[in-house]
């Protein structure tokens, strides 16, 4: 993984997941057509229809959120599984001396940056970059 651009793949994956997460509230809303009043007794029917649609929207929003988070978790676990023993990149040991073992987890290679540390760093950097958008 250190020789290729897989670190960029991980970064782009995290970026797209976080971008989708910021847009999730606006993507899962469904616009409903305004039901016109036909007679004076139809006001209650309109309110019950609006309540039913609001409940349906809440259910759809909830399902979309759950599906997104399950897919995101599966993607992160698959990335960790695939690159478990390979370093994302190798840095000089002096640069990360006090935290060398933590940063290299789970690879155990001195000076390496492991996939778990890389995912944490990418998530934080992307969250900071996308903060103005959300």
C-alpha atoms as a PDB file:
ATOM      1  CA  UNK A   1       0.000   0.000   0.000  1.00  0.00           C
ATOM      2  CA  UNK A   2       2.909   2.375   0.676  1.00  0.00           C
ATOM      3  CA  UNK A   3       4.080   2.135  -2.934  1.00  0.00           C
ATOM      4  CA  UNK A   4       0.703   2.926  -4.497  1.00  0.00           C
ATOM      5  CA  UNK A   5      -1.859   5.618  -4.042  1.00  0.00           C
ATOM      6  CA  UNK A   6      -4.152   3.617  -1.782  1.00  0.00           C
ATOM      7  CA  UNK A   7      -3.801   6.314   0.874  1.00  0.00           C
ATOM      8  CA  UNK A   8      -5.542   8.626  -1.572  1.00  0.00           C
ATOM      9  CA  UNK A   9      -8.304   6.045  -2.044  1.00  0.00           C
ATOM     10  CA  UNK A  10      -8.874   5.963   1.717  1.00  0.00           C
ATOM     11  CA  UNK A  11      -8.858   9.760   1.912  1.00  0.00           C
ATOM     12  CA  UNK A  12     -11.344  10.085  -0.950  1.00  0.00           C
ATOM     13  CA  UNK A  13     -13.580   7.428   0.569  1.00  0.00           C
ATOM     14  CA  UNK A  14     -13.662   9.244   3.889  1.00  0.00           C
ATOM     15  CA  UNK A  15     -14.254  12.560   2.115  1.00  0.00           C
ATOM     16  CA  UNK A  16     -17.199  11.206   0.123  1.00  0.00           C
ATOM     17  CA  UNK A  17     -18.739   9.547   3.189  1.00  0.00           C
ATOM     18  CA  UNK A  18     -18.505  12.748   5.213  1.00  0.00           C
ATOM     19  CA  UNK A  19     -19.776  14.867   2.327  1.00  0.00           C
ATOM     20  CA  UNK A  20     -22.766  12.572   1.949  1.00  0.00           C
ATOM     21  CA  UNK A  21     -23.283  12.690   5.722  1.00  0.00           C
ATOM     22  CA  UNK A  22     -23.480  16.509   5.653  1.00  0.00           C
ATOM     23  CA  UNK A  23     -25.988  16.372   2.789  1.00  0.00           C
ATOM     24  CA  UNK A  24     -28.038  13.532   4.304  1.00  0.00           C
ATOM     25  CA  UNK A  25     -30.701  15.727   5.947  1.00  0.00           C
ATOM     26  CA  UNK A  26     -31.459  17.532   2.691  1.00  0.00           C
ATOM     27  CA  UNK A  27     -31.349  14.345   0.580  1.00  0.00           C
ATOM     28  CA  UNK A  28     -33.835  12.444   2.690  1.00  0.00           C
ATOM     29  CA  UNK A  29     -36.560  15.070   2.753  1.00  0.00           C
ATOM     30  CA  UNK A  30     -39.466  14.462   0.454  1.00  0.00           C
ATOM     31  CA  UNK A  31     -41.606  17.287  -0.772  1.00  0.00           C
ATOM     32  CA  UNK A  32     -45.336  16.647  -0.770  1.00  0.00           C
ATOM     33  CA  UNK A  33     -47.963  18.209  -2.953  1.00  0.00           C
ATOM     34  CA  UNK A  34     -50.228  20.640  -1.200  1.00  0.00           C
ATOM     35  CA  UNK A  35     -53.696  19.111  -0.948  1.00  0.00           C
ATOM     36  CA  UNK A  36     -56.287  21.799  -1.789  1.00  0.00           C
ATOM     37  CA  UNK A  37     -59.392  22.224   0.325  1.00  0.00           C
ATOM     38  CA  UNK A  38     -62.483  21.262  -1.664  1.00  0.00           C
ATOM     39  CA  UNK A  39     -65.152  21.967   0.927  1.00  0.00           C
ATOM     40  CA  UNK A  40     -65.387  23.349   4.407  1.00  0.00           C
ATOM     41  CA  UNK A  41     -65.395  19.859   5.966  1.00  0.00           C
ATOM     42  CA  UNK A  42     -62.158  18.814   4.232  1.00  0.00           C
ATOM     43  CA  UNK A  43     -59.878  20.724   6.611  1.00  0.00           C
ATOM     44  CA  UNK A  44     -59.565  17.744   8.955  1.00  0.00           C
ATOM     45  CA  UNK A  45     -58.800  15.451   6.034  1.00  0.00           C
ATOM     46  CA  UNK A  46     -55.997  17.748   4.936  1.00  0.00           C
ATOM     47  CA  UNK A  47     -54.485  17.830   8.421  1.00  0.00           C
ATOM     48  CA  UNK A  48     -54.634  14.053   8.741  1.00  0.00           C
ATOM     49  CA  UNK A  49     -53.042  13.681   5.284  1.00  0.00           C
ATOM     50  CA  UNK A  50     -50.270  16.094   6.268  1.00  0.00           C
ATOM     51  CA  UNK A  51     -49.686  14.160   9.515  1.00  0.00           C
ATOM     52  CA  UNK A  52     -49.522  10.883   7.592  1.00  0.00           C
ATOM     53  CA  UNK A  53     -47.024  12.317   5.109  1.00  0.00           C
ATOM     54  CA  UNK A  54     -44.920  13.799   7.912  1.00  0.00           C
ATOM     55  CA  UNK A  55     -44.821  10.397   9.626  1.00  0.00           C
ATOM     56  CA  UNK A  56     -43.881   8.737   6.348  1.00  0.00           C
ATOM     57  CA  UNK A  57     -41.116  11.286   5.776  1.00  0.00           C
ATOM     58  CA  UNK A  58     -39.718  10.643   9.245  1.00  0.00           C
ATOM     59  CA  UNK A  59     -39.671   6.885   8.610  1.00  0.00           C
ATOM     60  CA  UNK A  60     -37.953   7.307   5.243  1.00  0.00           C
ATOM     61  CA  UNK A  61     -35.386   9.701   6.730  1.00  0.00           C
ATOM     62  CA  UNK A  62     -34.706   7.243   9.544  1.00  0.00           C
ATOM     63  CA  UNK A  63     -34.276   4.291   7.136  1.00  0.00           C
ATOM     64  CA  UNK A  64     -31.976   6.287   4.822  1.00  0.00           C
ATOM     65  CA  UNK A  65     -29.823   7.331   7.796  1.00  0.00           C
ATOM     66  CA  UNK A  66     -29.579   3.781   9.135  1.00  0.00           C
ATOM     67  CA  UNK A  67     -28.687   2.368   5.701  1.00  0.00           C
ATOM     68  CA  UNK A  68     -26.026   5.053   5.209  1.00  0.00           C
ATOM     69  CA  UNK A  69     -24.373   4.438   8.579  1.00  0.00           C
ATOM     70  CA  UNK A  70     -24.409   0.650   8.084  1.00  0.00           C
ATOM     71  CA  UNK A  71     -22.808   1.018   4.643  1.00  0.00           C
ATOM     72  CA  UNK A  72     -20.228   3.468   5.990  1.00  0.00           C
ATOM     73  CA  UNK A  73     -19.328   1.117   8.844  1.00  0.00           C
ATOM     74  CA  UNK A  74     -19.046  -1.813   6.418  1.00  0.00           C
ATOM     75  CA  UNK A  75     -16.788   0.253   4.156  1.00  0.00           C
ATOM     76  CA  UNK A  76     -14.487   1.272   7.012  1.00  0.00           C
ATOM     77  CA  UNK A  77     -14.286  -2.292   8.337  1.00  0.00           C
ATOM     78  CA  UNK A  78     -13.492  -3.605   4.844  1.00  0.00           C
ATOM     79  CA  UNK A  79     -10.725  -1.001   4.423  1.00  0.00           C
ATOM     80  CA  UNK A  80      -9.243  -1.961   7.787  1.00  0.00           C
ATOM     81  CA  UNK A  81      -9.540  -5.653   6.911  1.00  0.00           C
ATOM     82  CA  UNK A  82      -7.908  -5.229   3.496  1.00  0.00           C
ATOM     83  CA  UNK A  83      -4.992  -3.039   4.652  1.00  0.00           C
ATOM     84  CA  UNK A  84      -4.566  -4.506   8.149  1.00  0.00           C
ATOM     85  CA  UNK A  85      -0.940  -5.559   7.822  1.00  0.00           C
ATOM     86  CA  UNK A  86       0.205  -3.018   5.226  1.00  0.00           C
ATOM     87  CA  UNK A  87       1.371   0.480   6.139  1.00  0.00           C
ATOM     88  CA  UNK A  88      -0.409   3.392   4.499  1.00  0.00           C
ATOM     89  CA  UNK A  89       2.885   5.257   4.336  1.00  0.00           C
ATOM     90  CA  UNK A  90       6.283   5.007   5.948  1.00  0.00           C
ATOM     91  CA  UNK A  91       7.795   8.069   7.601  1.00  0.00           C
ATOM     92  CA  UNK A  92      11.159   8.544   9.277  1.00  0.00           C
ATOM     93  CA  UNK A  93      10.949   7.117  12.800  1.00  0.00           C
ATOM     94  CA  UNK A  94      12.129  10.387  14.352  1.00  0.00           C
ATOM     95  CA  UNK A  95       9.019  12.233  13.133  1.00  0.00           C
ATOM     96  CA  UNK A  96       6.637  10.165  15.212  1.00  0.00           C
ATOM     97  CA  UNK A  97       9.028   8.939  17.934  1.00  0.00           C
ATOM     98  CA  UNK A  98       6.834   9.198  21.054  1.00  0.00           C
ATOM     99  CA  UNK A  99       3.742   7.759  19.366  1.00  0.00           C
ATOM    100  CA  UNK A 100       5.477   5.377  16.980  1.00  0.00           C
ATOM    101  CA  UNK A 101       3.758   2.187  18.165  1.00  0.00           C
ATOM    102  CA  UNK A 102       0.323   3.799  18.317  1.00  0.00           C
ATOM    103  CA  UNK A 103       0.604   5.318  14.839  1.00  0.00           C
ATOM    104  CA  UNK A 104       1.961   2.071  13.371  1.00  0.00           C
ATOM    105  CA  UNK A 105      -0.893  -0.038  14.765  1.00  0.00           C
ATOM    106  CA  UNK A 106      -1.756  -2.670  13.508  1.00  0.00           C
ATOM    107  CA  UNK A 107       1.272  -3.071  11.211  1.00  0.00           C
ATOM    108  CA  UNK A 108       3.996  -2.943  13.883  1.00  0.00           C
ATOM    109  CA  UNK A 109       6.502  -1.563  11.373  1.00  0.00           C
ATOM    110  CA  UNK A 110       8.673   1.243  12.835  1.00  0.00           C
ATOM    111  CA  UNK A 111       7.863   4.583  11.192  1.00  0.00           C
ATOM    112  CA  UNK A 112       4.766   3.235   9.452  1.00  0.00           C
ATOM    113  CA  UNK A 113       1.330   4.812   9.536  1.00  0.00           C
ATOM    114  CA  UNK A 114      -1.331   2.129  10.018  1.00  0.00           C
ATOM    115  CA  UNK A 115      -4.776   2.141   8.449  1.00  0.00           C
ATOM    116  CA  UNK A 116      -6.601   2.819  11.719  1.00  0.00           C
ATOM    117  CA  UNK A 117      -4.543   5.921  12.479  1.00  0.00           C
ATOM    118  CA  UNK A 118      -4.901   7.077   8.891  1.00  0.00           C
ATOM    119  CA  UNK A 119      -8.707   6.721   9.028  1.00  0.00           C
ATOM    120  CA  UNK A 120      -8.863   8.727  12.259  1.00  0.00           C
ATOM    121  CA  UNK A 121      -6.692  11.488  10.799  1.00  0.00           C
ATOM    122  CA  UNK A 122      -8.646  11.541   7.521  1.00  0.00           C
ATOM    123  CA  UNK A 123     -11.983  11.717   9.338  1.00  0.00           C
ATOM    124  CA  UNK A 124     -10.825  14.643  11.458  1.00  0.00           C
ATOM    125  CA  UNK A 125      -9.272  16.575   8.552  1.00  0.00           C
ATOM    126  CA  UNK A 126     -12.275  16.038   6.288  1.00  0.00           C
ATOM    127  CA  UNK A 127     -14.687  16.997   9.081  1.00  0.00           C
ATOM    128  CA  UNK A 128     -12.763  20.247   9.578  1.00  0.00           C
ATOM    129  CA  UNK A 129     -12.767  20.922   5.831  1.00  0.00           C
ATOM    130  CA  UNK A 130     -16.503  20.274   5.495  1.00  0.00           C
ATOM    131  CA  UNK A 131     -17.514  22.182   8.635  1.00  0.00           C
ATOM    132  CA  UNK A 132     -18.311  25.395   6.708  1.00  0.00           C
ATOM    133  CA  UNK A 133     -20.570  23.429   4.323  1.00  0.00           C
ATOM    134  CA  UNK A 134     -22.665  21.885   7.077  1.00  0.00           C
END
